[in-house]
């Protein structure tokens, strides 16, 4: 028992020393728990912290929120735009673009998720997304009917990327999110689904 008490004291001292040196304990396990909390505010706070975290694993967690949390899907989408603009890589295909493109073109996902994924691709502003957006501009639902909202968002995204005759401004201007600590994330314009 005495050894356990000594070990706990030593661990606490080591943790304080590492924190003082700028070393932090890995925040991801706690954030992964918080994004699954029942309380919306706890989940929102976790999404904002993930958006500000300089860690590739944050993209995976934000993608999970984007796909599964109806209440925070749009905020997670903005966070993914921030990550997509910040986490530039020489790796081709870019893993963020590739992952979001797979969501936009997955006929098994709800149309709103797919449409917002196309929006994310346009807002990131990377022309690497053009082939996936061209595919999404002809998107269909699982029933075979046109996925109008996905098509609209993909077409607008192509305009943002300069891949269409008409140009379009970014909804989230370049420089408005990236490389800064944000305390809130803006709400994007709602996706209009066809009835």
N, C-alpha and C. Protein backbone atom coordinates (compact mmCIF):
# COMPACT_ATOMS: atom_id res chain seq x y z
N UNK A 1 0.82 -1.18 0.00
CA UNK A 1 0.00 0.00 0.00
C UNK A 1 0.87 1.25 0.00
N UNK A 2 1.94 1.19 0.79
CA UNK A 2 2.85 2.32 0.87
C UNK A 2 3.51 2.59 -0.47
N UNK A 3 3.82 1.50 -1.21
CA UNK A 3 4.45 1.66 -2.52
C UNK A 3 3.49 2.31 -3.52
N UNK A 4 2.20 1.96 -3.43
CA UNK A 4 1.21 2.56 -4.31
C UNK A 4 1.07 4.06 -4.06
N UNK A 5 1.10 4.44 -2.79
CA UNK A 5 0.99 5.85 -2.44
C UNK A 5 2.21 6.62 -2.98
N UNK A 6 3.39 6.02 -2.84
CA UNK A 6 4.62 6.64 -3.32
C UNK A 6 4.58 6.74 -4.85
N UNK A 7 4.09 5.70 -5.53
CA UNK A 7 4.01 5.69 -6.98
C UNK A 7 3.03 6.77 -7.47
N UNK A 8 1.90 6.90 -6.78
CA UNK A 8 0.90 7.91 -7.16
C UNK A 8 1.47 9.31 -7.00
N UNK A 9 2.21 9.54 -5.93
CA UNK A 9 2.84 10.85 -5.69
C UNK A 9 3.88 11.13 -6.77
N UNK A 10 4.67 10.13 -7.11
CA UNK A 10 5.69 10.29 -8.15
C UNK A 10 5.06 10.57 -9.50
N UNK A 11 3.96 9.87 -9.82
CA UNK A 11 3.26 10.09 -11.09
C UNK A 11 2.69 11.50 -11.14
N UNK A 12 2.11 11.96 -10.06
CA UNK A 12 1.56 13.32 -10.01
C UNK A 12 2.67 14.35 -10.21
N UNK A 13 3.81 14.13 -9.57
CA UNK A 13 4.94 15.05 -9.71
C UNK A 13 5.46 15.06 -11.14
N UNK A 14 5.55 13.87 -11.78
CA UNK A 14 6.01 13.78 -13.16
C UNK A 14 5.05 14.48 -14.10
N UNK A 15 3.76 14.31 -13.89
CA UNK A 15 2.75 14.96 -14.72
C UNK A 15 2.88 16.47 -14.63
N UNK A 16 3.05 16.99 -13.41
CA UNK A 16 3.20 18.44 -13.22
C UNK A 16 4.48 18.93 -13.88
N UNK A 17 5.57 18.16 -13.76
CA UNK A 17 6.83 18.56 -14.36
C UNK A 17 6.70 18.61 -15.88
N UNK A 18 6.10 17.58 -16.48
CA UNK A 18 5.94 17.56 -17.93
C UNK A 18 5.05 18.70 -18.40
N UNK A 19 3.99 18.98 -17.67
CA UNK A 19 3.11 20.09 -18.03
C UNK A 19 3.88 21.41 -17.96
N UNK A 20 4.74 21.55 -16.98
CA UNK A 20 5.55 22.75 -16.84
C UNK A 20 6.55 22.91 -17.98
N UNK A 21 6.98 21.80 -18.56
CA UNK A 21 7.93 21.84 -19.66
C UNK A 21 7.24 21.99 -21.02
N UNK A 22 5.94 22.09 -21.00
CA UNK A 22 5.21 22.24 -22.25
C UNK A 22 4.73 20.91 -22.81
N UNK A 23 4.99 19.82 -22.13
CA UNK A 23 4.51 18.52 -22.57
C UNK A 23 3.12 18.31 -22.00
N UNK A 24 2.23 17.92 -22.83
CA UNK A 24 0.86 17.72 -22.36
C UNK A 24 0.47 16.26 -22.49
N UNK A 25 -0.47 15.87 -21.70
CA UNK A 25 -1.02 14.54 -21.82
C UNK A 25 -1.90 14.52 -23.06
N UNK A 26 -1.91 13.41 -23.76
CA UNK A 26 -2.66 13.26 -25.00
C UNK A 26 -4.14 13.61 -24.77
N UNK A 27 -4.66 14.63 -25.46
CA UNK A 27 -6.05 15.04 -25.25
C UNK A 27 -7.07 14.18 -26.00
N UNK A 28 -6.63 13.36 -26.94
CA UNK A 28 -7.56 12.65 -27.80
C UNK A 28 -8.49 11.67 -27.07
N UNK A 29 -8.00 10.88 -26.12
CA UNK A 29 -8.96 9.97 -25.45
C UNK A 29 -10.12 10.72 -24.79
N UNK A 30 -9.82 11.81 -24.13
CA UNK A 30 -10.88 12.58 -23.48
C UNK A 30 -11.82 13.23 -24.51
N UNK A 31 -11.24 13.77 -25.58
CA UNK A 31 -12.07 14.39 -26.62
C UNK A 31 -12.96 13.35 -27.31
N UNK A 32 -12.42 12.15 -27.52
CA UNK A 32 -13.23 11.08 -28.12
C UNK A 32 -14.40 10.71 -27.22
N UNK A 33 -14.22 10.79 -25.92
CA UNK A 33 -15.32 10.56 -24.99
C UNK A 33 -16.33 11.71 -25.04
N UNK A 34 -15.81 12.94 -25.06
CA UNK A 34 -16.68 14.11 -25.02
C UNK A 34 -17.56 14.24 -26.26
N UNK A 35 -17.06 13.81 -27.43
CA UNK A 35 -17.90 13.93 -28.63
C UNK A 35 -19.05 12.94 -28.64
N UNK A 36 -19.02 12.01 -27.69
CA UNK A 36 -20.11 11.04 -27.57
C UNK A 36 -21.02 11.34 -26.38
N UNK A 37 -20.77 12.44 -25.68
CA UNK A 37 -21.57 12.80 -24.51
C UNK A 37 -23.02 13.09 -24.90
N UNK A 38 -23.90 12.94 -23.96
CA UNK A 38 -25.31 13.24 -24.22
C UNK A 38 -25.55 14.75 -24.29
N UNK A 39 -24.80 15.51 -23.53
CA UNK A 39 -24.96 16.96 -23.45
C UNK A 39 -24.41 17.64 -24.71
N UNK A 40 -25.25 18.40 -25.41
CA UNK A 40 -24.84 19.06 -26.65
C UNK A 40 -23.67 20.01 -26.42
N UNK A 41 -23.70 20.77 -25.33
CA UNK A 41 -22.63 21.74 -25.07
C UNK A 41 -21.27 21.05 -24.88
N UNK A 42 -21.26 19.90 -24.24
CA UNK A 42 -20.02 19.14 -24.07
C UNK A 42 -19.50 18.70 -25.43
N UNK A 43 -20.40 18.20 -26.28
CA UNK A 43 -20.00 17.77 -27.62
C UNK A 43 -19.50 18.95 -28.45
N UNK A 44 -20.19 20.09 -28.35
CA UNK A 44 -19.80 21.28 -29.10
C UNK A 44 -18.41 21.75 -28.68
N UNK A 45 -18.18 21.79 -27.38
CA UNK A 45 -16.86 22.18 -26.87
C UNK A 45 -15.78 21.24 -27.40
N UNK A 46 -16.07 19.95 -27.45
CA UNK A 46 -15.10 18.98 -27.97
C UNK A 46 -14.82 19.23 -29.45
N UNK A 47 -15.85 19.53 -30.23
CA UNK A 47 -15.67 19.80 -31.65
C UNK A 47 -14.77 21.03 -31.85
N UNK A 48 -15.00 22.07 -31.07
CA UNK A 48 -14.17 23.27 -31.18
C UNK A 48 -12.72 22.96 -30.80
N UNK A 49 -12.53 22.19 -29.73
CA UNK A 49 -11.17 21.81 -29.34
C UNK A 49 -10.51 20.97 -30.42
N UNK A 50 -11.25 20.06 -31.02
CA UNK A 50 -10.70 19.24 -32.11
C UNK A 50 -10.33 20.11 -33.31
N UNK A 51 -11.15 21.11 -33.61
CA UNK A 51 -10.86 22.01 -34.73
C UNK A 51 -9.56 22.76 -34.51
N UNK A 52 -9.24 23.06 -33.26
CA UNK A 52 -8.03 23.82 -32.93
C UNK A 52 -6.81 22.93 -32.69
N UNK A 53 -7.01 21.65 -32.58
CA UNK A 53 -5.93 20.71 -32.26
C UNK A 53 -5.09 20.43 -33.49
N UNK A 54 -3.79 20.57 -33.36
CA UNK A 54 -2.88 20.29 -34.47
C UNK A 54 -2.52 18.81 -34.44
N UNK A 55 -3.46 17.98 -34.87
CA UNK A 55 -3.30 16.54 -34.78
C UNK A 55 -4.17 15.91 -35.87
N UNK A 56 -3.58 15.08 -36.69
CA UNK A 56 -4.29 14.42 -37.79
C UNK A 56 -5.45 13.57 -37.26
N UNK A 57 -5.33 13.04 -36.05
CA UNK A 57 -6.38 12.21 -35.48
C UNK A 57 -7.67 13.01 -35.25
N UNK A 58 -7.55 14.32 -35.14
CA UNK A 58 -8.73 15.16 -34.96
C UNK A 58 -9.65 15.07 -36.17
N UNK A 59 -9.09 14.86 -37.34
CA UNK A 59 -9.89 14.75 -38.57
C UNK A 59 -10.80 13.53 -38.49
N UNK A 60 -10.27 12.42 -38.00
CA UNK A 60 -11.06 11.19 -37.87
C UNK A 60 -12.21 11.42 -36.89
N UNK A 61 -11.91 12.02 -35.75
CA UNK A 61 -12.95 12.29 -34.75
C UNK A 61 -14.01 13.25 -35.29
N UNK A 62 -13.58 14.28 -35.99
CA UNK A 62 -14.54 15.25 -36.56
C UNK A 62 -15.40 14.60 -37.64
N UNK A 63 -14.81 13.70 -38.40
CA UNK A 63 -15.57 12.99 -39.43
C UNK A 63 -16.65 12.12 -38.79
N UNK A 64 -16.32 11.51 -37.67
CA UNK A 64 -17.31 10.70 -36.95
C UNK A 64 -18.48 11.57 -36.48
N UNK A 65 -18.16 12.76 -35.94
CA UNK A 65 -19.22 13.68 -35.51
C UNK A 65 -20.04 14.10 -36.72
N UNK A 66 -19.37 14.44 -37.80
CA UNK A 66 -20.03 14.89 -39.02
C UNK A 66 -21.04 13.85 -39.52
N UNK A 67 -20.64 12.59 -39.50
CA UNK A 67 -21.51 11.51 -40.01
C UNK A 67 -22.62 11.10 -39.05
N UNK A 68 -22.40 11.26 -37.74
CA UNK A 68 -23.33 10.65 -36.80
C UNK A 68 -24.09 11.60 -35.88
N UNK A 69 -23.70 12.85 -35.80
CA UNK A 69 -24.34 13.78 -34.86
C UNK A 69 -25.15 14.82 -35.63
N UNK A 70 -26.43 14.56 -35.77
CA UNK A 70 -27.33 15.43 -36.53
C UNK A 70 -27.27 16.88 -36.03
N UNK A 71 -27.19 17.07 -34.70
CA UNK A 71 -27.18 18.42 -34.12
C UNK A 71 -25.91 19.19 -34.46
N UNK A 72 -24.78 18.51 -34.52
CA UNK A 72 -23.50 19.20 -34.71
C UNK A 72 -22.86 18.95 -36.07
N UNK A 73 -23.60 18.33 -36.98
CA UNK A 73 -23.05 18.00 -38.29
C UNK A 73 -22.48 19.24 -39.00
N UNK A 74 -23.22 20.33 -39.02
CA UNK A 74 -22.77 21.52 -39.74
C UNK A 74 -21.56 22.17 -39.09
N UNK A 75 -21.51 22.18 -37.77
CA UNK A 75 -20.34 22.74 -37.06
C UNK A 75 -19.13 21.84 -37.30
N UNK A 76 -19.33 20.53 -37.28
CA UNK A 76 -18.23 19.61 -37.58
C UNK A 76 -17.75 19.81 -39.01
N UNK A 77 -18.66 20.13 -39.92
CA UNK A 77 -18.29 20.40 -41.31
C UNK A 77 -17.36 21.62 -41.39
N UNK A 78 -17.68 22.67 -40.66
CA UNK A 78 -16.83 23.86 -40.64
C UNK A 78 -15.46 23.50 -40.05
N UNK A 79 -15.46 22.70 -38.99
CA UNK A 79 -14.20 22.26 -38.39
C UNK A 79 -13.37 21.46 -39.39
N UNK A 80 -14.03 20.63 -40.20
CA UNK A 80 -13.30 19.86 -41.23
C UNK A 80 -12.74 20.78 -42.32
N UNK A 81 -13.45 21.85 -42.64
CA UNK A 81 -12.91 22.83 -43.58
C UNK A 81 -11.63 23.43 -43.00
N UNK A 82 -11.68 23.81 -41.73
CA UNK A 82 -10.49 24.37 -41.06
C UNK A 82 -9.33 23.39 -41.13
N UNK A 83 -9.59 22.11 -40.79
CA UNK A 83 -8.53 21.11 -40.81
C UNK A 83 -8.01 20.90 -42.23
N UNK A 84 -8.92 20.87 -43.21
CA UNK A 84 -8.51 20.67 -44.60
C UNK A 84 -7.65 21.80 -45.13
N UNK A 85 -7.89 23.00 -44.66
CA UNK A 85 -7.06 24.14 -45.07
C UNK A 85 -5.72 24.16 -44.36
N UNK A 86 -5.69 23.68 -43.12
CA UNK A 86 -4.46 23.75 -42.31
C UNK A 86 -3.51 22.58 -42.54
N UNK A 87 -4.04 21.39 -42.61
CA UNK A 87 -3.21 20.19 -42.65
C UNK A 87 -2.83 19.83 -44.08
N UNK A 88 -2.03 20.66 -44.67
CA UNK A 88 -1.57 20.43 -46.04
C UNK A 88 -0.56 19.29 -46.03
N UNK A 89 -0.60 18.47 -47.07
CA UNK A 89 0.30 17.34 -47.16
C UNK A 89 0.77 17.17 -48.59
N UNK A 90 1.94 16.57 -48.74
CA UNK A 90 2.44 16.25 -50.07
C UNK A 90 1.90 14.90 -50.53
N UNK A 91 1.24 14.20 -49.62
CA UNK A 91 0.68 12.89 -49.91
C UNK A 91 -0.45 13.02 -50.92
N UNK A 92 -0.38 12.24 -51.97
CA UNK A 92 -1.44 12.26 -52.99
C UNK A 92 -2.00 10.87 -53.11
N UNK A 93 -3.28 10.68 -53.04
CA UNK A 93 -4.28 11.73 -52.82
C UNK A 93 -4.25 12.23 -51.38
N UNK A 94 -4.64 13.48 -51.21
CA UNK A 94 -4.72 14.08 -49.88
C UNK A 94 -5.75 13.29 -49.07
N UNK A 95 -5.36 12.77 -47.89
CA UNK A 95 -6.29 11.93 -47.13
C UNK A 95 -7.58 12.64 -46.70
N UNK A 96 -7.52 13.92 -46.42
CA UNK A 96 -8.74 14.64 -46.01
C UNK A 96 -9.67 14.77 -47.21
N UNK A 97 -9.13 15.21 -48.34
CA UNK A 97 -9.94 15.36 -49.55
C UNK A 97 -10.53 14.01 -49.95
N UNK A 98 -9.71 12.98 -49.93
CA UNK A 98 -10.16 11.64 -50.32
C UNK A 98 -11.27 11.13 -49.40
N UNK A 99 -11.12 11.34 -48.09
CA UNK A 99 -12.12 10.88 -47.14
C UNK A 99 -13.45 11.60 -47.29
N UNK A 100 -13.40 12.91 -47.45
CA UNK A 100 -14.63 13.70 -47.60
C UNK A 100 -15.27 13.40 -48.96
N UNK A 101 -14.46 13.20 -49.99
CA UNK A 101 -14.98 12.86 -51.32
C UNK A 101 -15.73 11.52 -51.27
N UNK A 102 -15.21 10.58 -50.50
CA UNK A 102 -15.89 9.28 -50.36
C UNK A 102 -17.27 9.45 -49.72
N UNK A 103 -17.38 10.38 -48.79
CA UNK A 103 -18.69 10.65 -48.16
C UNK A 103 -19.65 11.29 -49.17
N UNK A 104 -19.15 12.23 -49.95
CA UNK A 104 -20.00 12.93 -50.91
C UNK A 104 -20.57 11.98 -51.96
N UNK A 105 -19.82 10.95 -52.28
CA UNK A 105 -20.23 10.05 -53.35
C UNK A 105 -20.74 8.69 -52.86
N UNK A 106 -21.09 8.59 -51.59
CA UNK A 106 -21.59 7.35 -51.01
C UNK A 106 -23.12 7.35 -51.03
N UNK A 107 -23.71 6.58 -51.94
CA UNK A 107 -25.17 6.57 -52.09
C UNK A 107 -25.89 6.01 -50.87
N UNK A 108 -25.18 5.39 -49.96
CA UNK A 108 -25.80 4.81 -48.77
C UNK A 108 -25.95 5.81 -47.63
N UNK A 109 -25.36 6.97 -47.77
CA UNK A 109 -25.47 8.01 -46.74
C UNK A 109 -26.66 8.91 -47.03
N UNK A 110 -27.19 9.56 -46.00
CA UNK A 110 -28.29 10.51 -46.23
C UNK A 110 -27.86 11.64 -47.16
N UNK A 111 -28.79 12.12 -47.94
CA UNK A 111 -28.48 13.18 -48.91
C UNK A 111 -27.89 14.42 -48.24
N UNK A 112 -28.39 14.77 -47.08
CA UNK A 112 -27.89 15.97 -46.38
C UNK A 112 -26.40 15.82 -46.04
N UNK A 113 -25.99 14.64 -45.61
CA UNK A 113 -24.58 14.39 -45.29
C UNK A 113 -23.73 14.50 -46.56
N UNK A 114 -24.21 13.89 -47.61
CA UNK A 114 -23.47 13.92 -48.89
C UNK A 114 -23.36 15.34 -49.44
N UNK A 115 -24.45 16.09 -49.34
CA UNK A 115 -24.44 17.47 -49.84
C UNK A 115 -23.47 18.33 -49.03
N UNK A 116 -23.49 18.16 -47.71
CA UNK A 116 -22.58 18.94 -46.87
C UNK A 116 -21.13 18.52 -47.14
N UNK A 117 -20.89 17.26 -47.44
CA UNK A 117 -19.53 16.81 -47.78
C UNK A 117 -19.05 17.51 -49.06
N UNK A 118 -19.93 17.63 -50.04
CA UNK A 118 -19.56 18.36 -51.27
C UNK A 118 -19.26 19.82 -50.94
N UNK A 119 -20.03 20.39 -50.06
CA UNK A 119 -19.79 21.78 -49.62
C UNK A 119 -18.41 21.89 -48.97
N UNK A 120 -18.07 20.93 -48.10
CA UNK A 120 -16.75 20.94 -47.44
C UNK A 120 -15.65 20.94 -48.49
N UNK A 121 -15.77 20.08 -49.50
CA UNK A 121 -14.74 20.00 -50.54
C UNK A 121 -14.54 21.34 -51.24
N UNK A 122 -15.63 22.03 -51.51
CA UNK A 122 -15.52 23.34 -52.14
C UNK A 122 -14.90 24.37 -51.23
N UNK A 123 -15.29 24.35 -49.96
CA UNK A 123 -14.80 25.34 -49.00
C UNK A 123 -13.33 25.13 -48.64
N UNK A 124 -12.85 23.90 -48.67
CA UNK A 124 -11.42 23.68 -48.40
C UNK A 124 -10.59 24.42 -49.44
N UNK A 125 -11.06 24.42 -50.67
CA UNK A 125 -10.41 25.23 -51.70
C UNK A 125 -9.27 24.53 -52.42
N UNK A 126 -9.19 23.23 -52.34
CA UNK A 126 -8.12 22.47 -52.99
C UNK A 126 -8.65 21.88 -54.29
N UNK A 127 -8.01 22.24 -55.39
CA UNK A 127 -8.46 21.78 -56.71
C UNK A 127 -8.35 20.26 -56.88
N UNK A 128 -7.68 19.59 -55.98
CA UNK A 128 -7.61 18.13 -56.02
C UNK A 128 -9.01 17.52 -55.89
N UNK A 129 -9.94 18.27 -55.34
CA UNK A 129 -11.30 17.78 -55.14
C UNK A 129 -12.14 17.81 -56.41
N UNK A 130 -11.66 18.42 -57.47
CA UNK A 130 -12.47 18.60 -58.69
C UNK A 130 -13.00 17.28 -59.26
N UNK A 131 -12.18 16.23 -59.42
CA UNK A 131 -12.75 14.99 -59.97
C UNK A 131 -13.90 14.42 -59.12
N UNK A 132 -13.74 14.42 -57.82
CA UNK A 132 -14.81 13.91 -56.94
C UNK A 132 -16.05 14.78 -57.03
N UNK A 133 -15.86 16.09 -57.14
CA UNK A 133 -17.00 17.00 -57.25
C UNK A 133 -17.72 16.84 -58.60
N UNK A 134 -16.96 16.55 -59.65
CA UNK A 134 -17.60 16.30 -60.94
C UNK A 134 -18.47 15.04 -60.86
N UNK A 135 -17.98 14.03 -60.15
CA UNK A 135 -18.79 12.82 -59.95
C UNK A 135 -20.03 13.17 -59.14
N UNK A 136 -19.85 13.94 -58.07
CA UNK A 136 -20.98 14.31 -57.20
C UNK A 136 -21.99 15.19 -57.92
N UNK A 137 -21.55 15.93 -58.94
CA UNK A 137 -22.49 16.80 -59.66
C UNK A 137 -23.52 16.00 -60.45
N UNK A 138 -23.31 14.70 -60.57
CA UNK A 138 -24.30 13.82 -61.19
C UNK A 138 -24.86 12.81 -60.20
N UNK A 139 -24.78 13.13 -58.91
CA UNK A 139 -25.14 12.20 -57.83
C UNK A 139 -26.58 11.73 -57.92
N UNK A 140 -26.77 10.48 -57.49
CA UNK A 140 -28.11 9.90 -57.40
C UNK A 140 -28.32 9.37 -56.00
N UNK A 141 -29.57 9.23 -55.65
CA UNK A 141 -29.95 8.59 -54.40
C UNK A 141 -29.88 7.08 -54.58
N UNK A 142 -29.96 6.35 -53.49
CA UNK A 142 -29.97 4.90 -53.57
C UNK A 142 -31.11 4.38 -54.43
N UNK A 143 -32.20 5.14 -54.52
CA UNK A 143 -33.36 4.76 -55.32
C UNK A 143 -33.15 4.98 -56.82
N UNK A 144 -32.06 5.67 -57.17
CA UNK A 144 -31.79 5.98 -58.57
C UNK A 144 -32.25 7.36 -58.99
N UNK A 145 -33.02 8.03 -58.13
CA UNK A 145 -33.45 9.39 -58.43
C UNK A 145 -32.29 10.36 -58.24
N UNK A 146 -32.33 11.52 -58.89
CA UNK A 146 -31.26 12.50 -58.71
C UNK A 146 -31.16 12.98 -57.26
N UNK A 147 -29.95 13.10 -56.77
CA UNK A 147 -29.69 13.66 -55.43
C UNK A 147 -29.47 15.15 -55.63
N UNK A 148 -30.57 15.89 -55.70
CA UNK A 148 -30.56 17.30 -56.08
C UNK A 148 -29.67 18.14 -55.17
N UNK A 149 -29.76 17.95 -53.87
CA UNK A 149 -28.95 18.77 -52.95
C UNK A 149 -27.47 18.49 -53.13
N UNK A 150 -27.10 17.25 -53.35
CA UNK A 150 -25.69 16.89 -53.57
C UNK A 150 -25.22 17.53 -54.87
N UNK A 151 -26.04 17.42 -55.90
CA UNK A 151 -25.68 18.00 -57.20
C UNK A 151 -25.49 19.52 -57.09
N UNK A 152 -26.40 20.18 -56.37
CA UNK A 152 -26.31 21.63 -56.21
C UNK A 152 -25.03 22.02 -55.48
N UNK A 153 -24.76 21.37 -54.37
CA UNK A 153 -23.55 21.70 -53.60
C UNK A 153 -22.28 21.38 -54.38
N UNK A 154 -22.27 20.29 -55.12
CA UNK A 154 -21.09 19.94 -55.92
C UNK A 154 -20.86 20.97 -57.03
N UNK A 155 -21.94 21.39 -57.68
CA UNK A 155 -21.83 22.40 -58.75
C UNK A 155 -21.31 23.72 -58.18
N UNK A 156 -21.85 24.13 -57.04
CA UNK A 156 -21.38 25.37 -56.41
C UNK A 156 -19.92 25.23 -55.98
N UNK A 157 -19.53 24.06 -55.49
CA UNK A 157 -18.14 23.84 -55.08
C UNK A 157 -17.21 23.93 -56.29
N UNK A 158 -17.63 23.37 -57.41
CA UNK A 158 -16.82 23.47 -58.64
C UNK A 158 -16.65 24.93 -59.06
N UNK A 159 -17.69 25.73 -58.87
CA UNK A 159 -17.59 27.16 -59.18
C UNK A 159 -16.59 27.84 -58.25
N UNK A 160 -16.58 27.46 -56.97
CA UNK A 160 -15.62 28.03 -56.01
C UNK A 160 -14.19 27.69 -56.40
N UNK A 161 -14.00 26.50 -56.95
CA UNK A 161 -12.65 26.05 -57.31
C UNK A 161 -12.23 26.49 -58.70
N UNK A 162 -13.08 27.23 -59.38
CA UNK A 162 -12.73 27.74 -60.71
C UNK A 162 -12.83 26.68 -61.79
N UNK A 163 -13.58 25.63 -61.56
CA UNK A 163 -13.71 24.55 -62.53
C UNK A 163 -14.98 24.68 -63.36
N UNK A 164 -15.62 25.82 -63.29
CA UNK A 164 -16.83 26.08 -64.06
C UNK A 164 -16.76 27.50 -64.59
N UNK A 165 -17.56 27.78 -65.60
CA UNK A 165 -17.52 29.12 -66.18
C UNK A 165 -17.87 30.18 -65.16
N UNK A 166 -18.90 29.93 -64.36
CA UNK A 166 -19.31 30.89 -63.34
C UNK A 166 -18.40 30.74 -62.12
N UNK A 167 -18.01 31.86 -61.58
CA UNK A 167 -17.22 31.82 -60.35
C UNK A 167 -18.12 31.98 -59.15
N UNK A 168 -17.63 31.62 -57.99
CA UNK A 168 -18.42 31.73 -56.76
C UNK A 168 -17.45 31.99 -55.62
N UNK A 169 -17.83 32.88 -54.72
CA UNK A 169 -17.01 33.18 -53.54
C UNK A 169 -17.15 32.06 -52.51
N UNK A 170 -16.12 31.90 -51.70
CA UNK A 170 -16.19 30.95 -50.60
C UNK A 170 -17.14 31.49 -49.55
N UNK A 171 -17.92 30.62 -48.97
CA UNK A 171 -18.81 31.03 -47.87
C UNK A 171 -17.98 31.38 -46.64
N UNK A 172 -16.89 30.63 -46.44
CA UNK A 172 -15.95 30.87 -45.35
C UNK A 172 -14.67 31.40 -45.99
N UNK A 173 -14.49 32.72 -46.05
CA UNK A 173 -13.34 33.29 -46.77
C UNK A 173 -12.01 32.68 -46.33
N UNK A 174 -11.13 32.51 -47.32
CA UNK A 174 -9.79 32.00 -47.02
C UNK A 174 -9.14 32.90 -45.97
N UNK A 175 -8.50 32.29 -45.00
CA UNK A 175 -7.85 33.01 -43.92
C UNK A 175 -8.76 33.26 -42.72
N UNK A 176 -10.04 32.94 -42.85
CA UNK A 176 -10.96 33.23 -41.75
C UNK A 176 -10.96 32.14 -40.68
N UNK A 177 -10.45 30.97 -40.98
CA UNK A 177 -10.46 29.86 -40.03
C UNK A 177 -9.07 29.35 -39.69
N UNK A 178 -8.25 29.24 -40.69
CA UNK A 178 -7.02 28.50 -40.56
C UNK A 178 -5.96 29.21 -39.72
N UNK A 179 -5.16 28.36 -39.06
CA UNK A 179 -3.99 28.78 -38.28
C UNK A 179 -4.30 29.81 -37.19
N UNK A 180 -5.45 29.65 -36.58
CA UNK A 180 -5.80 30.49 -35.44
C UNK A 180 -6.67 29.69 -34.48
N UNK A 181 -6.57 30.05 -33.23
CA UNK A 181 -7.36 29.40 -32.18
C UNK A 181 -8.74 30.03 -32.19
N UNK A 182 -9.75 29.24 -32.48
CA UNK A 182 -11.12 29.74 -32.53
C UNK A 182 -11.87 29.35 -31.27
N UNK A 183 -12.73 30.23 -30.78
CA UNK A 183 -13.55 29.92 -29.61
C UNK A 183 -14.97 29.54 -30.03
N UNK A 184 -15.33 29.89 -31.25
CA UNK A 184 -16.60 29.48 -31.84
C UNK A 184 -16.35 29.14 -33.30
N UNK A 185 -17.26 28.40 -33.87
CA UNK A 185 -17.19 28.11 -35.31
C UNK A 185 -18.45 28.66 -35.95
N UNK A 186 -18.33 29.29 -37.11
CA UNK A 186 -19.52 29.85 -37.75
C UNK A 186 -20.46 28.76 -38.26
N UNK A 187 -21.73 29.07 -38.28
CA UNK A 187 -22.74 28.15 -38.83
C UNK A 187 -22.81 28.38 -40.34
N UNK A 188 -22.68 27.34 -41.13
CA UNK A 188 -22.83 27.52 -42.58
C UNK A 188 -24.30 27.67 -42.95
N UNK A 189 -24.54 28.15 -44.16
CA UNK A 189 -25.92 28.25 -44.65
C UNK A 189 -26.52 26.84 -44.69
N UNK A 190 -27.79 26.71 -44.37
CA UNK A 190 -28.40 25.38 -44.36
C UNK A 190 -28.44 24.75 -45.76
N UNK A 191 -28.43 23.43 -45.78
CA UNK A 191 -28.57 22.67 -47.03
C UNK A 191 -30.07 22.55 -47.32
N UNK A 192 -30.45 22.89 -48.52
CA UNK A 192 -31.85 22.78 -48.92
C UNK A 192 -32.06 21.44 -49.60
N UNK A 193 -32.86 20.59 -48.97
CA UNK A 193 -33.18 19.29 -49.54
C UNK A 193 -34.44 19.38 -50.36
N UNK A 194 -34.48 18.65 -51.46
CA UNK A 194 -35.70 18.60 -52.24
C UNK A 194 -36.67 17.63 -51.57
N UNK A 195 -37.92 17.85 -51.74
CA UNK A 195 -38.95 17.01 -51.09
C UNK A 195 -39.22 15.79 -51.92
